Amino acid sequence: SFEQSYLQLLFQLGPLGLGLFFVSLSAPVRRAWKSVFAAARTI
């Protein structure tokens, strides 16, 4: 375990694993971003 969490994941998982972490977050974040700016507000 290290303070530099993303460098730690790069060392342990390589670009593939670190990239998967951020890709897994990006799609739901983009959807939520669109809902925040949607013309018809969602509940």
All heavy atoms as atom14 arrays in JSON, in Angstrom:
{
  "sequence": "SFEQSYLQLLFQLGPLGLGLFFVSLSAPVRRAWKSVFAAARTI",
  "atom14_mask": [
    [1, 1, 1, 1, 1, 1, 0, 0, 0, 0, 0, 0, 0, 0],
    [1, 1, 1, 1, 1, 1, 1, 1, 1, 1, 1, 0, 0, 0],
    [1, 1, 1, 1, 1, 1, 1, 1, 1, 0, 0, 0, 0, 0],
    [1, 1, 1, 1, 1, 1, 1, 1, 1, 0, 0, 0, 0, 0],
    [1, 1, 1, 1, 1, 1, 0, 0, 0, 0, 0, 0, 0, 0],
    [1, 1, 1, 1, 1, 1, 1, 1, 1, 1, 1, 1, 0, 0],
    [1, 1, 1, 1, 1, 1, 1, 1, 0, 0, 0, 0, 0, 0],
    [1, 1, 1, 1, 1, 1, 1, 1, 1, 0, 0, 0, 0, 0],
    [1, 1, 1, 1, 1, 1, 1, 1, 0, 0, 0, 0, 0, 0],
    [1, 1, 1, 1, 1, 1, 1, 1, 0, 0, 0, 0, 0, 0],
    [1, 1, 1, 1, 1, 1, 1, 1, 1, 1, 1, 0, 0, 0],
    [1, 1, 1, 1, 1, 1, 1, 1, 1, 0, 0, 0, 0, 0],
    [1, 1, 1, 1, 1, 1, 1, 1, 0, 0, 0, 0, 0, 0],
    [1, 1, 1, 1, 0, 0, 0, 0, 0, 0, 0, 0, 0, 0],
    [1, 1, 1, 1, 1, 1, 1, 0, 0, 0, 0, 0, 0, 0],
    [1, 1, 1, 1, 1, 1, 1, 1, 0, 0, 0, 0, 0, 0],
    [1, 1, 1, 1, 0, 0, 0, 0, 0, 0, 0, 0, 0, 0],
    [1, 1, 1, 1, 1, 1, 1, 1, 0, 0, 0, 0, 0, 0],
    [1, 1, 1, 1, 0, 0, 0, 0, 0, 0, 0, 0, 0, 0],
    [1, 1, 1, 1, 1, 1, 1, 1, 0, 0, 0, 0, 0, 0],
    [1, 1, 1, 1, 1, 1, 1, 1, 1, 1, 1, 0, 0, 0],
    [1, 1, 1, 1, 1, 1, 1, 1, 1, 1, 1, 0, 0, 0],
    [1, 1, 1, 1, 1, 1, 1, 0, 0, 0, 0, 0, 0, 0],
    [1, 1, 1, 1, 1, 1, 0, 0, 0, 0, 0, 0, 0, 0],
    [1, 1, 1, 1, 1, 1, 1, 1, 0, 0, 0, 0, 0, 0],
    [1, 1, 1, 1, 1, 1, 0, 0, 0, 0, 0, 0, 0, 0],
    [1, 1, 1, 1, 1, 0, 0, 0, 0, 0, 0, 0, 0, 0],
    [1, 1, 1, 1, 1, 1, 1, 0, 0, 0, 0, 0, 0, 0],
    [1, 1, 1, 1, 1, 1, 1, 0, 0, 0, 0, 0, 0, 0],
    [1, 1, 1, 1, 1, 1, 1, 1, 1, 1, 1, 0, 0, 0],
    [1, 1, 1, 1, 1, 1, 1, 1, 1, 1, 1, 0, 0, 0],
    [1, 1, 1, 1, 1, 0, 0, 0, 0, 0, 0, 0, 0, 0],
    [1, 1, 1, 1, 1, 1, 1, 1, 1, 1, 1, 1, 1, 1],
    [1, 1, 1, 1, 1, 1, 1, 1, 1, 0, 0, 0, 0, 0],
    [1, 1, 1, 1, 1, 1, 0, 0, 0, 0, 0, 0, 0, 0],
    [1, 1, 1, 1, 1, 1, 1, 0, 0, 0, 0, 0, 0, 0],
    [1, 1, 1, 1, 1, 1, 1, 1, 1, 1, 1, 0, 0, 0],
    [1, 1, 1, 1, 1, 0, 0, 0, 0, 0, 0, 0, 0, 0],
    [1, 1, 1, 1, 1, 0, 0, 0, 0, 0, 0, 0, 0, 0],
    [1, 1, 1, 1, 1, 0, 0, 0, 0, 0, 0, 0, 0, 0],
    [1, 1, 1, 1, 1, 1, 1, 1, 1, 1, 1, 0, 0, 0],
    [1, 1, 1, 1, 1, 1, 1, 0, 0, 0, 0, 0, 0, 0],
    [1, 1, 1, 1, 1, 1, 1, 1, 0, 0, 0, 0, 0, 0]
  ],
  "atom14_positions": [
    [[0.83, -1.21, 0.0], [0.0, 0.0, 0.0], [0.86, 1.26, 0.0], [1.87, 1.33, 0.71], [-0.91, 0.0, 1.23], [-1.64, 1.21, 1.33], [0.0, 0.0, 0.0], [0.0, 0.0, 0.0], [0.0, 0.0, 0.0], [0.0, 0.0, 0.0], [0.0, 0.0, 0.0], [0.0, 0.0, 0.0], [0.0, 0.0, 0.0], [0.0, 0.0, 0.0]],
    [[0.43, 2.27, -0.79], [1.17, 3.53, -0.92], [0.19, 4.7, -0.96], [-0.98, 4.53, -1.33], [2.04, 3.53, -2.18], [3.06, 2.44, -2.19], [2.75, 1.19, -2.73], [4.32, 2.62, -1.65], [3.68, 0.16, -2.72], [5.26, 1.61, -1.64], [4.94, 0.37, -2.18], [0.0, 0.0, 0.0], [0.0, 0.0, 0.0], [0.0, 0.0, 0.0]],
    [[0.68, 5.89, -0.59], [-0.16, 7.09, -0.68], [-0.54, 7.41, -2.12], [-1.66, 7.86, -2.37], [0.56, 8.3, -0.06], [0.35, 8.47, 1.42], [1.43, 7.77, 2.23], [2.23, 7.03, 1.62], [1.49, 7.97, 3.45], [0.0, 0.0, 0.0], [0.0, 0.0, 0.0], [0.0, 0.0, 0.0], [0.0, 0.0, 0.0], [0.0, 0.0, 0.0]],
    [[0.38, 7.21, -3.03], [0.11, 7.54, -4.44], [-0.71, 6.42, -5.08], [-0.18, 5.54, -5.75], [1.42, 7.76, -5.19], [2.42, 8.68, -4.49], [1.83, 10.02, -4.14], [1.86, 10.44, -2.99], [1.29, 10.72, -5.11], [0.0, 0.0, 0.0], [0.0, 0.0, 0.0], [0.0, 0.0, 0.0], [0.0, 0.0, 0.0], [0.0, 0.0, 0.0]],
    [[-2.02, 6.45, -4.84], [-2.89, 5.31, -5.17], [-2.87, 4.96, -6.66], [-2.86, 3.78, -7.03], [-4.33, 5.62, -4.75], [-4.41, 5.77, -3.35], [0.0, 0.0, 0.0], [0.0, 0.0, 0.0], [0.0, 0.0, 0.0], [0.0, 0.0, 0.0], [0.0, 0.0, 0.0], [0.0, 0.0, 0.0], [0.0, 0.0, 0.0], [0.0, 0.0, 0.0]],
    [[-2.88, 5.97, -7.52], [-2.96, 5.68, -8.95], [-1.62, 5.17, -9.49], [-1.6, 4.29, -10.37], [-3.43, 6.92, -9.72], [-4.76, 7.44, -9.22], [-4.95, 8.78, -8.95], [-5.82, 6.57, -8.99], [-6.16, 9.26, -8.45], [-7.03, 7.02, -8.5], [-7.19, 8.38, -8.23], [-8.4, 8.83, -7.75], [0.0, 0.0, 0.0], [0.0, 0.0, 0.0]],
    [[-0.51, 5.67, -8.96], [0.78, 5.1, -9.33], [0.9, 3.67, -8.81], [1.5, 2.81, -9.46], [1.92, 5.96, -8.78], [2.24, 7.26, -9.53], [3.38, 7.99, -8.83], [2.6, 6.99, -10.98], [0.0, 0.0, 0.0], [0.0, 0.0, 0.0], [0.0, 0.0, 0.0], [0.0, 0.0, 0.0], [0.0, 0.0, 0.0], [0.0, 0.0, 0.0]],
    [[0.32, 3.41, -7.65], [0.31, 2.05, -7.13], [-0.46, 1.12, -8.06], [0.0, 0.01, -8.37], [-0.34, 2.03, -5.74], [-0.49, 0.64, -5.15], [-1.24, 0.63, -3.84], [-1.21, 1.6, -3.09], [-1.94, -0.45, -3.56], [0.0, 0.0, 0.0], [0.0, 0.0, 0.0], [0.0, 0.0, 0.0], [0.0, 0.0, 0.0], [0.0, 0.0, 0.0]],
    [[-1.64, 1.56, -8.53], [-2.41, 0.74, -9.46], [-1.68, 0.56, -10.79], [-1.77, -0.5, -11.42], [-3.78, 1.36, -9.69], [-4.76, 1.31, -8.51], [-6.09, 1.94, -8.9], [-4.97, -0.12, -8.04], [0.0, 0.0, 0.0], [0.0, 0.0, 0.0], [0.0, 0.0, 0.0], [0.0, 0.0, 0.0], [0.0, 0.0, 0.0], [0.0, 0.0, 0.0]],
    [[-0.95, 1.59, -11.23], [-0.17, 1.47, -12.45], [0.92, 0.42, -12.28], [1.15, -0.41, -13.17], [0.45, 2.82, -12.81], [1.23, 2.88, -14.13], [0.3, 2.64, -15.32], [1.94, 4.22, -14.27], [0.0, 0.0, 0.0], [0.0, 0.0, 0.0], [0.0, 0.0, 0.0], [0.0, 0.0, 0.0], [0.0, 0.0, 0.0], [0.0, 0.0, 0.0]],
    [[1.59, 0.42, -11.14], [2.63, -0.56, -10.84], [2.04, -1.97, -10.76], [2.62, -2.94, -11.26], [3.33, -0.17, -9.53], [3.99, -1.31, -8.8], [5.01, -2.05, -9.39], [3.62, -1.61, -7.49], [5.62, -3.09, -8.71], [4.23, -2.65, -6.8], [5.23, -3.4, -7.42], [0.0, 0.0, 0.0], [0.0, 0.0, 0.0], [0.0, 0.0, 0.0]],
    [[0.86, -2.1, -10.16], [0.3, -3.43, -9.91], [-0.59, -3.95, -11.04], [-0.67, -5.16, -11.25], [-0.49, -3.4, -8.61], [0.37, -3.16, -7.38], [-0.44, -3.07, -6.11], [-1.61, -2.67, -6.12], [0.17, -3.44, -5.0], [0.0, 0.0, 0.0], [0.0, 0.0, 0.0], [0.0, 0.0, 0.0], [0.0, 0.0, 0.0], [0.0, 0.0, 0.0]],
    [[-1.26, -3.06, -11.77], [-2.21, -3.48, -12.8], [-1.83, -3.04, -14.2], [-2.48, -3.46, -15.17], [-3.61, -2.93, -12.47], [-4.22, -3.36, -11.14], [-5.53, -2.63, -10.91], [-4.44, -4.86, -11.09], [0.0, 0.0, 0.0], [0.0, 0.0, 0.0], [0.0, 0.0, 0.0], [0.0, 0.0, 0.0], [0.0, 0.0, 0.0], [0.0, 0.0, 0.0]],
    [[-0.81, -2.2, -14.31], [-0.41, -1.71, -15.62], [-1.43, -0.73, -16.18], [-2.46, -0.44, -15.55], [0.0, 0.0, 0.0], [0.0, 0.0, 0.0], [0.0, 0.0, 0.0], [0.0, 0.0, 0.0], [0.0, 0.0, 0.0], [0.0, 0.0, 0.0], [0.0, 0.0, 0.0], [0.0, 0.0, 0.0], [0.0, 0.0, 0.0], [0.0, 0.0, 0.0]],
    [[-1.19, -0.22, -17.38], [-2.14, 0.72, -17.99], [-3.51, 0.11, -18.22], [-4.52, 0.81, -18.17], [-1.47, 1.07, -19.33], [-0.03, 0.71, -19.16], [0.01, -0.43, -18.2], [0.0, 0.0, 0.0], [0.0, 0.0, 0.0], [0.0, 0.0, 0.0], [0.0, 0.0, 0.0], [0.0, 0.0, 0.0], [0.0, 0.0, 0.0], [0.0, 0.0, 0.0]],
    [[-3.56, -1.2, -18.44], [-4.85, -1.86, -18.7], [-5.75, -1.77, -17.48], [-6.92, -1.38, -17.58], [-4.61, -3.32, -19.08], [-5.85, -4.14, -19.45], [-6.55, -3.53, -20.66], [-5.47, -5.59, -19.73], [0.0, 0.0, 0.0], [0.0, 0.0, 0.0], [0.0, 0.0, 0.0], [0.0, 0.0, 0.0], [0.0, 0.0, 0.0], [0.0, 0.0, 0.0]],
    [[-5.25, -2.13, -16.31], [-6.07, -2.1, -15.1], [-6.41, -0.7, -14.66], [-7.55, -0.41, -14.27], [0.0, 0.0, 0.0], [0.0, 0.0, 0.0], [0.0, 0.0, 0.0], [0.0, 0.0, 0.0], [0.0, 0.0, 0.0], [0.0, 0.0, 0.0], [0.0, 0.0, 0.0], [0.0, 0.0, 0.0], [0.0, 0.0, 0.0], [0.0, 0.0, 0.0]],
    [[-5.41, 0.21, -14.72], [-5.68, 1.6, -14.33], [-6.68, 2.23, -15.29], [-7.59, 2.96, -14.87], [-4.38, 2.39, -14.32], [-4.48, 3.86, -13.88], [-4.99, 3.97, -12.45], [-3.12, 4.56, -14.0], [0.0, 0.0, 0.0], [0.0, 0.0, 0.0], [0.0, 0.0, 0.0], [0.0, 0.0, 0.0], [0.0, 0.0, 0.0], [0.0, 0.0, 0.0]],
    [[-6.53, 1.94, -16.59], [-7.48, 2.47, -17.57], [-8.88, 1.94, -17.34], [-9.86, 2.68, -17.47], [0.0, 0.0, 0.0], [0.0, 0.0, 0.0], [0.0, 0.0, 0.0], [0.0, 0.0, 0.0], [0.0, 0.0, 0.0], [0.0, 0.0, 0.0], [0.0, 0.0, 0.0], [0.0, 0.0, 0.0], [0.0, 0.0, 0.0], [0.0, 0.0, 0.0]],
    [[-8.99, 0.66, -16.98], [-10.3, 0.08, -16.72], [-10.99, 0.77, -15.55], [-12.2, 0.98, -15.57], [-10.16, -1.42, -16.42], [-11.45, -2.17, -16.09], [-12.45, -2.08, -17.23], [-11.15, -3.63, -15.77], [0.0, 0.0, 0.0], [0.0, 0.0, 0.0], [0.0, 0.0, 0.0], [0.0, 0.0, 0.0], [0.0, 0.0, 0.0], [0.0, 0.0, 0.0]],
    [[-10.22, 1.15, -14.55], [-10.79, 1.86, -13.39], [-11.45, 3.17, -13.83], [-12.59, 3.46, -13.48], [-9.71, 2.12, -12.35], [-10.16, 2.95, -11.19], [-10.92, 2.4, -10.18], [-9.83, 4.3, -11.11], [-11.35, 3.18, -9.1], [-10.24, 5.08, -10.04], [-11.0, 4.5, -9.04], [0.0, 0.0, 0.0], [0.0, 0.0, 0.0], [0.0, 0.0, 0.0]],
    [[-10.72, 3.95, -14.62], [-11.27, 5.25, -15.03], [-12.37, 5.11, -16.07], [-13.34, 5.87, -16.07], [-10.14, 6.15, -15.53], [-9.29, 6.71, -14.43], [-8.02, 6.21, -14.19], [-9.76, 7.72, -13.62], [-7.24, 6.71, -13.16], [-9.0, 8.23, -12.58], [-7.73, 7.73, -12.35], [0.0, 0.0, 0.0], [0.0, 0.0, 0.0], [0.0, 0.0, 0.0]],
    [[-12.27, 4.12, -16.95], [-13.34, 3.89, -17.94], [-14.61, 3.46, -17.22], [-15.72, 3.87, -17.6], [-12.9, 2.82, -18.97], [-14.09, 2.36, -19.8], [-11.82, 3.39, -19.88], [0.0, 0.0, 0.0], [0.0, 0.0, 0.0], [0.0, 0.0, 0.0], [0.0, 0.0, 0.0], [0.0, 0.0, 0.0], [0.0, 0.0, 0.0], [0.0, 0.0, 0.0]],
    [[-14.48, 2.63, -16.19], [-15.66, 2.18, -15.44], [-16.39, 3.34, -14.79], [-17.61, 3.29, -14.61], [-15.23, 1.16, -14.36], [-14.66, 0.01, -14.95], [0.0, 0.0, 0.0], [0.0, 0.0, 0.0], [0.0, 0.0, 0.0], [0.0, 0.0, 0.0], [0.0, 0.0, 0.0], [0.0, 0.0, 0.0], [0.0, 0.0, 0.0], [0.0, 0.0, 0.0]],
    [[-15.66, 4.4, -14.44], [-16.27, 5.58, -13.85], [-16.82, 6.54, -14.89], [-17.81, 7.25, -14.64], [-15.26, 6.32, -12.97], [-14.87, 5.68, -11.65], [-13.79, 6.51, -10.97], [-16.07, 5.54, -10.74], [0.0, 0.0, 0.0], [0.0, 0.0, 0.0], [0.0, 0.0, 0.0], [0.0, 0.0, 0.0], [0.0, 0.0, 0.0], [0.0, 0.0, 0.0]],
    [[-16.2, 6.59, -16.06], [-16.49, 7.66, -17.01], [-17.9, 7.59, -17.58], [-18.58, 8.61, -17.71], [-15.46, 7.65, -18.15], [-15.55, 6.44, -18.9], [0.0, 0.0, 0.0], [0.0, 0.0, 0.0], [0.0, 0.0, 0.0], [0.0, 0.0, 0.0], [0.0, 0.0, 0.0], [0.0, 0.0, 0.0], [0.0, 0.0, 0.0], [0.0, 0.0, 0.0]],
    [[-18.37, 6.37, -17.92], [-19.68, 6.26, -18.56], [-20.81, 6.7, -17.63], [-21.65, 7.52, -18.01], [-19.89, 4.83, -19.07], [0.0, 0.0, 0.0], [0.0, 0.0, 0.0], [0.0, 0.0, 0.0], [0.0, 0.0, 0.0], [0.0, 0.0, 0.0], [0.0, 0.0, 0.0], [0.0, 0.0, 0.0], [0.0, 0.0, 0.0], [0.0, 0.0, 0.0]],
    [[-20.9, 6.18, -16.4], [-21.99, 6.67, -15.52], [-21.87, 8.14, -15.18], [-22.88, 8.83, -15.01], [-21.86, 5.79, -14.27], [-20.51, 5.17, -14.33], [-20.16, 5.07, -15.78], [0.0, 0.0, 0.0], [0.0, 0.0, 0.0], [0.0, 0.0, 0.0], [0.0, 0.0, 0.0], [0.0, 0.0, 0.0], [0.0, 0.0, 0.0], [0.0, 0.0, 0.0]],
    [[-20.65, 8.65, -15.09], [-20.46, 10.07, -14.8], [-20.99, 10.92, -15.95], [-21.65, 11.94, -15.73], [-18.97, 10.37, -14.53], [-18.72, 11.88, -14.58], [-18.56, 9.84, -13.16], [0.0, 0.0, 0.0], [0.0, 0.0, 0.0], [0.0, 0.0, 0.0], [0.0, 0.0, 0.0], [0.0, 0.0, 0.0], [0.0, 0.0, 0.0], [0.0, 0.0, 0.0]],
    [[-20.74, 10.5, -17.18], [-21.24, 11.25, -18.34], [-22.76, 11.26, -18.37], [-23.38, 12.27, -18.71], [-20.67, 10.65, -19.63], [-19.19, 10.91, -19.83], [-18.72, 10.36, -21.15], [-19.37, 11.04, -22.27], [-19.25, 10.65, -23.55], [-18.52, 9.6, -23.86], [-19.86, 11.31, -24.5], [0.0, 0.0, 0.0], [0.0, 0.0, 0.0], [0.0, 0.0, 0.0]],
    [[-23.38, 10.11, -18.06], [-24.84, 10.06, -18.04], [-25.41, 11.0, -16.98], [-26.39, 11.72, -17.22], [-25.31, 8.63, -17.77], [-25.33, 7.74, -19.01], [-26.41, 8.22, -19.98], [-26.45, 7.36, -21.15], [-27.22, 6.28, -21.26], [-27.97, 5.93, -20.24], [-27.21, 5.57, -22.35], [0.0, 0.0, 0.0], [0.0, 0.0, 0.0], [0.0, 0.0, 0.0]],
    [[-24.81, 10.99, -15.8], [-25.29, 11.87, -14.73], [-25.09, 13.33, -15.11], [-25.94, 14.18, -14.82], [-24.57, 11.54, -13.43], [0.0, 0.0, 0.0], [0.0, 0.0, 0.0], [0.0, 0.0, 0.0], [0.0, 0.0, 0.0], [0.0, 0.0, 0.0], [0.0, 0.0, 0.0], [0.0, 0.0, 0.0], [0.0, 0.0, 0.0], [0.0, 0.0, 0.0]],
    [[-23.96, 13.63, -15.75], [-23.69, 15.0, -16.21], [-24.81, 15.46, -17.13], [-25.32, 16.58, -17.02], [-22.34, 15.02, -16.93], [-21.94, 16.32, -17.53], [-22.35, 16.84, -18.72], [-21.02, 17.28, -16.99], [-21.74, 18.05, -18.96], [-20.92, 18.34, -17.91], [-20.26, 17.33, -15.82], [-20.09, 19.45, -17.7], [-19.45, 18.43, -15.61], [-19.37, 19.47, -16.53]],
    [[-25.23, 14.58, -18.06], [-26.3, 14.94, -18.99], [-27.62, 15.16, -18.25], [-28.4, 16.04, -18.6], [-26.45, 13.85, -20.04], [-25.29, 13.77, -21.02], [-25.5, 12.67, -22.05], [-24.32, 12.58, -23.02], [-24.5, 11.48, -24.0], [0.0, 0.0, 0.0], [0.0, 0.0, 0.0], [0.0, 0.0, 0.0], [0.0, 0.0, 0.0], [0.0, 0.0, 0.0]],
    [[-27.87, 14.35, -17.22], [-29.13, 14.5, -16.5], [-29.16, 15.82, -15.72], [-30.21, 16.44, -15.58], [-29.34, 13.33, -15.53], [-28.54, 13.46, -14.38], [0.0, 0.0, 0.0], [0.0, 0.0, 0.0], [0.0, 0.0, 0.0], [0.0, 0.0, 0.0], [0.0, 0.0, 0.0], [0.0, 0.0, 0.0], [0.0, 0.0, 0.0], [0.0, 0.0, 0.0]],
    [[-28.01, 16.24, -15.22], [-27.94, 17.51, -14.48], [-28.26, 18.68, -15.41], [-28.89, 19.66, -15.01], [-26.55, 17.68, -13.84], [-26.36, 19.1, -13.31], [-26.38, 16.68, -12.7], [0.0, 0.0, 0.0], [0.0, 0.0, 0.0], [0.0, 0.0, 0.0], [0.0, 0.0, 0.0], [0.0, 0.0, 0.0], [0.0, 0.0, 0.0], [0.0, 0.0, 0.0]],
    [[-27.84, 18.57, -16.68], [-28.06, 19.65, -17.62], [-29.29, 19.44, -18.51], [-29.51, 20.18, -19.45], [-26.83, 19.82, -18.52], [-25.69, 20.5, -17.83], [-24.46, 19.87, -17.69], [-25.84, 21.76, -17.29], [-23.41, 20.48, -17.05], [-24.78, 22.39, -16.64], [-23.57, 21.76, -16.52], [0.0, 0.0, 0.0], [0.0, 0.0, 0.0], [0.0, 0.0, 0.0]],
    [[-30.07, 18.37, -18.24], [-31.23, 18.07, -19.08], [-32.24, 19.21, -19.04], [-32.44, 19.85, -18.02], [-31.89, 16.77, -18.61], [0.0, 0.0, 0.0], [0.0, 0.0, 0.0], [0.0, 0.0, 0.0], [0.0, 0.0, 0.0], [0.0, 0.0, 0.0], [0.0, 0.0, 0.0], [0.0, 0.0, 0.0], [0.0, 0.0, 0.0], [0.0, 0.0, 0.0]],
    [[-32.88, 19.44, -20.18], [-33.87, 20.52, -20.25], [-35.05, 20.22, -19.32], [-35.53, 21.09, -18.6], [-34.37, 20.66, -21.69], [0.0, 0.0, 0.0], [0.0, 0.0, 0.0], [0.0, 0.0, 0.0], [0.0, 0.0, 0.0], [0.0, 0.0, 0.0], [0.0, 0.0, 0.0], [0.0, 0.0, 0.0], [0.0, 0.0, 0.0], [0.0, 0.0, 0.0]],
    [[-35.53, 18.95, -19.33], [-36.58, 18.55, -18.41], [-35.92, 17.88, -17.22], [-35.4, 16.78, -17.33], [-37.54, 17.58, -19.1], [0.0, 0.0, 0.0], [0.0, 0.0, 0.0], [0.0, 0.0, 0.0], [0.0, 0.0, 0.0], [0.0, 0.0, 0.0], [0.0, 0.0, 0.0], [0.0, 0.0, 0.0], [0.0, 0.0, 0.0], [0.0, 0.0, 0.0]],
    [[-35.91, 18.56, -16.08], [-35.21, 18.05, -14.91], [-35.77, 16.69, -14.47], [-36.98, 16.48, -14.46], [-35.33, 19.04, -13.75], [-34.68, 20.37, -14.02], [-33.17, 20.22, -14.1], [-32.53, 21.52, -14.24], [-31.22, 21.69, -14.32], [-30.43, 20.65, -14.28], [-30.71, 22.89, -14.46], [0.0, 0.0, 0.0], [0.0, 0.0, 0.0], [0.0, 0.0, 0.0]],
    [[-34.91, 15.77, -14.1], [-35.36, 14.49, -13.57], [-35.58, 14.63, -12.07], [-35.04, 15.52, -11.44], [-34.31, 13.4, -13.83], [-33.08, 13.79, -13.2], [-34.08, 13.2, -15.31], [0.0, 0.0, 0.0], [0.0, 0.0, 0.0], [0.0, 0.0, 0.0], [0.0, 0.0, 0.0], [0.0, 0.0, 0.0], [0.0, 0.0, 0.0], [0.0, 0.0, 0.0]],
    [[-36.36, 13.71, -11.51], [-36.71, 13.83, -10.11], [-35.49, 13.67, -9.21], [-35.48, 14.18, -8.09], [-37.77, 12.78, -9.73], [-37.28, 11.37, -10.04], [-39.07, 13.05, -10.41], [-38.21, 10.29, -9.56], [0.0, 0.0, 0.0], [0.0, 0.0, 0.0], [0.0, 0.0, 0.0], [0.0, 0.0, 0.0], [0.0, 0.0, 0.0], [0.0, 0.0, 0.0]]
  ]
}
